[in-house]
Every structure is written in C-alpha cells, then in structure tokens.
Protein backbone atom coordinates (compact mmCIF):
# COMPACT_ATOMS: atom_id res chain seq x y z
CA ILE A 1 -5.01 12.62 -14.65
CA SER A 2 -2.77 10.78 -11.81
CA GLY A 3 -3.88 6.97 -12.74
CA ALA A 4 -4.93 6.72 -9.21
CA HIS A 5 -1.67 6.55 -7.55
CA PHE A 6 -2.33 6.54 -3.78
CA ASN A 7 0.39 4.27 -3.03
CA PRO A 8 4.22 4.45 -3.15
CA ALA A 9 4.66 0.84 -3.59
CA VAL A 10 2.01 0.67 -6.73
CA SER A 11 3.71 3.44 -8.01
CA LEU A 12 7.26 2.05 -7.60
CA ALA A 13 6.05 -1.20 -9.27
CA PHE A 14 4.80 0.95 -12.11
CA VAL A 15 8.30 2.39 -12.24
CA LEU A 16 10.16 -0.89 -12.49
CA ARG A 17 7.84 -2.10 -15.22
CA ARG A 18 8.72 1.17 -17.08
CA GLU A 19 5.12 2.35 -17.27
CA LEU A 20 5.90 5.44 -14.95
CA PRO A 21 9.02 7.65 -15.22
CA LEU A 22 11.48 7.32 -11.94
CA ARG A 23 11.10 11.30 -11.45
CA GLU A 24 7.35 11.29 -11.61
CA GLY A 25 7.17 8.31 -9.49
CA ALA A 26 9.14 10.12 -6.46
CA TYR A 27 6.77 13.34 -6.93
CA TYR A 28 3.93 10.71 -6.49
CA ALA A 29 5.43 9.33 -3.53
CA VAL A 30 5.99 12.91 -1.78
CA ALA A 31 2.34 13.50 -2.89
CA GLN A 32 0.99 10.20 -1.43
CA ILE A 33 2.78 10.40 2.07
CA GLY A 34 1.73 14.30 2.24
CA GLY A 35 -1.89 13.31 1.39
CA ALA A 36 -1.94 10.24 3.97
CA LEU A 37 -0.87 12.65 6.71
CA ALA A 38 -3.06 15.32 5.94
CA GLY A 39 -5.67 12.56 5.83
CA ALA A 40 -4.84 11.52 9.08
CA VAL A 41 -5.08 15.11 10.83
CA LEU A 42 -8.26 15.54 8.91
CA ALA A 43 -9.78 12.62 10.45
CA HIS A 44 -8.64 13.71 13.96
CA VAL A 45 -10.04 16.71 13.45
CA MET A 46 -13.63 15.44 12.54
CA PHE A 47 -13.67 13.28 15.59
CA ASP A 48 -12.29 16.11 17.90
CA MET A 49 -9.20 14.30 18.72
CA SER A 50 -5.69 15.77 18.91
CA MET A 51 -4.48 16.43 15.51
CA VAL A 52 -1.16 14.70 15.92
CA GLN A 53 -0.83 11.56 18.35
CA ASN A 54 1.65 9.11 19.28
CA ALA A 55 0.81 5.59 18.29
CA THR A 56 1.28 3.02 20.87
CA GLN A 57 -0.44 -0.02 18.86
CA ILE A 58 2.42 -2.71 18.58
CA ARG A 59 2.45 -4.25 14.94
CA THR A 60 5.69 -6.53 14.70
CA GLY A 61 6.52 -10.03 14.53
CA LEU A 62 6.99 -12.33 11.48
CA GLY A 63 3.10 -13.06 11.39
CA GLN A 64 2.53 -9.64 10.93
CA TRP A 65 4.98 -9.07 8.29
CA VAL A 66 3.86 -12.00 6.45
CA GLY A 67 0.41 -11.12 6.41
CA GLU A 68 1.64 -7.50 4.87
CA ALA A 69 3.65 -9.06 2.24
CA MET A 70 0.65 -11.13 1.50
CA ALA A 71 -1.38 -7.74 1.27
CA THR A 72 0.99 -6.06 -0.94
CA ALA A 73 1.29 -8.88 -3.24
CA MET A 74 -2.24 -9.58 -3.79
CA LEU A 75 -3.04 -5.90 -4.20
CA LEU A 76 -0.49 -5.53 -6.99
CA LEU A 77 -1.43 -8.93 -8.94
CA VAL A 78 -4.88 -7.89 -8.92
CA ILE A 79 -4.17 -4.51 -10.58
CA PHE A 80 -1.78 -6.29 -13.02
CA ALA A 81 -4.42 -8.94 -13.69
CA CYS A 82 -7.05 -6.42 -14.27
CA ILE A 83 -4.78 -4.28 -16.56
CA ARG A 84 -4.36 -7.29 -18.56
CA CYS A 85 -7.90 -8.92 -18.89
CA ALA A 86 -10.41 -6.31 -17.49
CA PRO A 87 -8.76 -2.95 -17.12
CA ALA A 88 -12.35 -1.02 -16.55
CA GLN A 89 -12.47 -3.36 -13.51
CA VAL A 90 -9.14 -2.11 -11.69
CA PRO A 91 -11.26 0.23 -9.35
CA VAL A 92 -13.64 -2.36 -8.44
CA ALA A 93 -11.44 -4.90 -7.75
CA VAL A 94 -8.86 -2.81 -6.03
CA GLY A 95 -11.46 -1.90 -3.37
CA LEU A 96 -12.42 -5.16 -3.38
CA VAL A 97 -9.14 -6.66 -2.60
CA ILE A 98 -8.36 -4.22 0.14
CA THR A 99 -11.11 -4.86 1.84
CA ALA A 100 -10.93 -8.73 1.64
CA ASN A 101 -7.04 -8.21 2.71
CA TYR A 102 -8.06 -6.25 5.82
CA TRP A 103 -10.14 -9.05 6.92
CA ALA A 104 -7.83 -12.09 5.90
CA THR A 105 -4.61 -10.97 6.81
CA SER A 106 -2.90 -10.56 10.21
CA SER A 107 -1.43 -7.24 9.45
CA THR A 108 -5.16 -6.01 8.57
CA SER A 109 -3.59 -4.81 4.94
CA PHE A 110 -1.73 -1.65 5.15
CA ALA A 111 -0.33 -2.67 1.69
CA ASN A 112 0.94 1.12 1.24
CA PRO A 113 4.03 2.80 2.84
CA ALA A 114 1.78 6.16 2.84
CA ILE A 115 -0.74 4.80 4.87
CA THR A 116 1.78 3.08 7.02
CA ILE A 117 3.60 6.48 8.10
CA SER A 118 0.29 8.12 8.43
CA ARG A 119 -1.02 5.49 10.79
CA THR A 120 2.24 6.63 12.88
CA ILE A 121 0.46 9.84 13.77
CA THR A 122 -2.68 8.31 15.14
CA ASP A 123 -3.64 6.32 18.16
CA THR A 124 -6.64 4.72 17.36
CA PHE A 125 -7.04 1.19 16.59
CA THR A 126 -5.48 1.65 13.17
CA ALA A 127 -2.10 2.53 14.58
CA ILE A 128 1.30 1.29 14.35
CA ARG A 129 4.04 2.62 16.68
CA PRO A 130 7.09 4.53 14.41
CA GLU A 131 9.55 1.88 15.47
CA ASP A 132 7.48 -0.83 13.88
CA ALA A 133 6.58 1.11 10.52
CA ALA A 134 10.09 0.91 9.17
CA ILE A 135 9.90 -2.96 8.55
CA PHE A 136 6.22 -2.59 7.01
CA ILE A 137 7.63 -0.20 4.67
CA ALA A 138 10.50 -2.67 3.88
CA VAL A 139 8.39 -5.68 3.40
CA GLN A 140 5.71 -3.42 1.48
CA LEU A 141 8.69 -2.20 -0.86
CA ALA A 142 10.42 -5.57 -1.41
CA THR A 143 7.19 -7.17 -2.09
CA ALA A 144 6.60 -4.66 -4.73
CA VAL A 145 9.49 -5.33 -6.57
CA ALA A 146 9.35 -9.24 -6.12
CA THR A 147 5.55 -9.02 -7.40
CA VAL A 148 6.66 -7.19 -10.53
CA PHE A 149 9.03 -9.77 -11.38
CA ALA A 150 6.49 -12.87 -10.39
CA ALA A 151 3.74 -10.78 -12.46
CA LYS A 152 5.91 -10.71 -15.55
CA TRP A 153 6.15 -14.20 -15.44
CA LEU A 154 2.48 -14.99 -14.36
CA PHE A 155 1.00 -12.91 -17.13
CA SER A 156 3.48 -13.16 -20.06
CA ASP A 157 2.25 -14.69 -23.37
CA GLU A 158 3.93 -17.96 -22.52
CA GLN A 159 1.93 -18.69 -19.92
CA LYS A 160 -1.34 -19.17 -22.32
C-alpha cells in the first residue's frame, strides 16, 4: 500500500519526480520519523536499556558527510535503475545496497533522515549526537535532490 516508503529522502525524490504528491510525501515523512523513533525505543526496551538516551557518538567532518552523500546517492540510483530495468528486484537491490553502503562508506550509511533522527535517542554504537544530525540530514536531502536530476539524465532515452 505504501510503496515501501521508509525514508524521507526517498519520498522527497519521488515527490520531485512527480510520482508522489507533496502532501502525501509530507504525511509519509511524519510517519517515517515516528516509526523510526518508535523502533529505537522498542529496541531499547528489548535489550533492557533506558527507553530514550542521549547520543554521544561523534559523527562529523567532511569524510563522514561525503560518505553520507555517497550512501544516499547510491540508494536512490539503485532504486531508480531497478524501477527502469527490473522493478521486481527493487526490494532485494535496496537491501543489498544498504548493506554494501554500511561497510563501504565512512558514515556507515544512514542515508535516511528518519533513521538519523532516531539514532539521536540512542547511545549505542549506531548513535549520532543531535548536534551532528542536522548536517547529516541536510546532506541526505540535498543529495536526494541532486540525484533526481542525475538519474533523469542517466536514465533518459537519449542515453541508450
């Protein structure tokens, strides 16, 4: 029903491609962020931890931001390529690119503003300090915008 929208950056990309109405994309973003926060709290409960924690993991600097841009761009490019060439493979490809980006990028591939926000309420190894989160989110959203335009060019009929 939802189109498997778990990521505000991906939803933004579909809004920019005019494949998702702006209002619907905004509703998705609220639900995505709420779901990510609820997931972090649930994970803490499962492991007998405080439900909400203050993240202290430092994630900042050009290398981290470039890694996050790469992770976000790769996620979106894989989605767009699969939609064009092998739509049934989108779920598998997304799982694989997220896994690959976790290991291959300096940021460990957040690539999702909702996940970035939820990681500010955990102090586990996956955390990000709240003061570092804003630039991660800005990078993710700016990369989503740029990737929409890059994908339009890359996957245009003129490129065949």
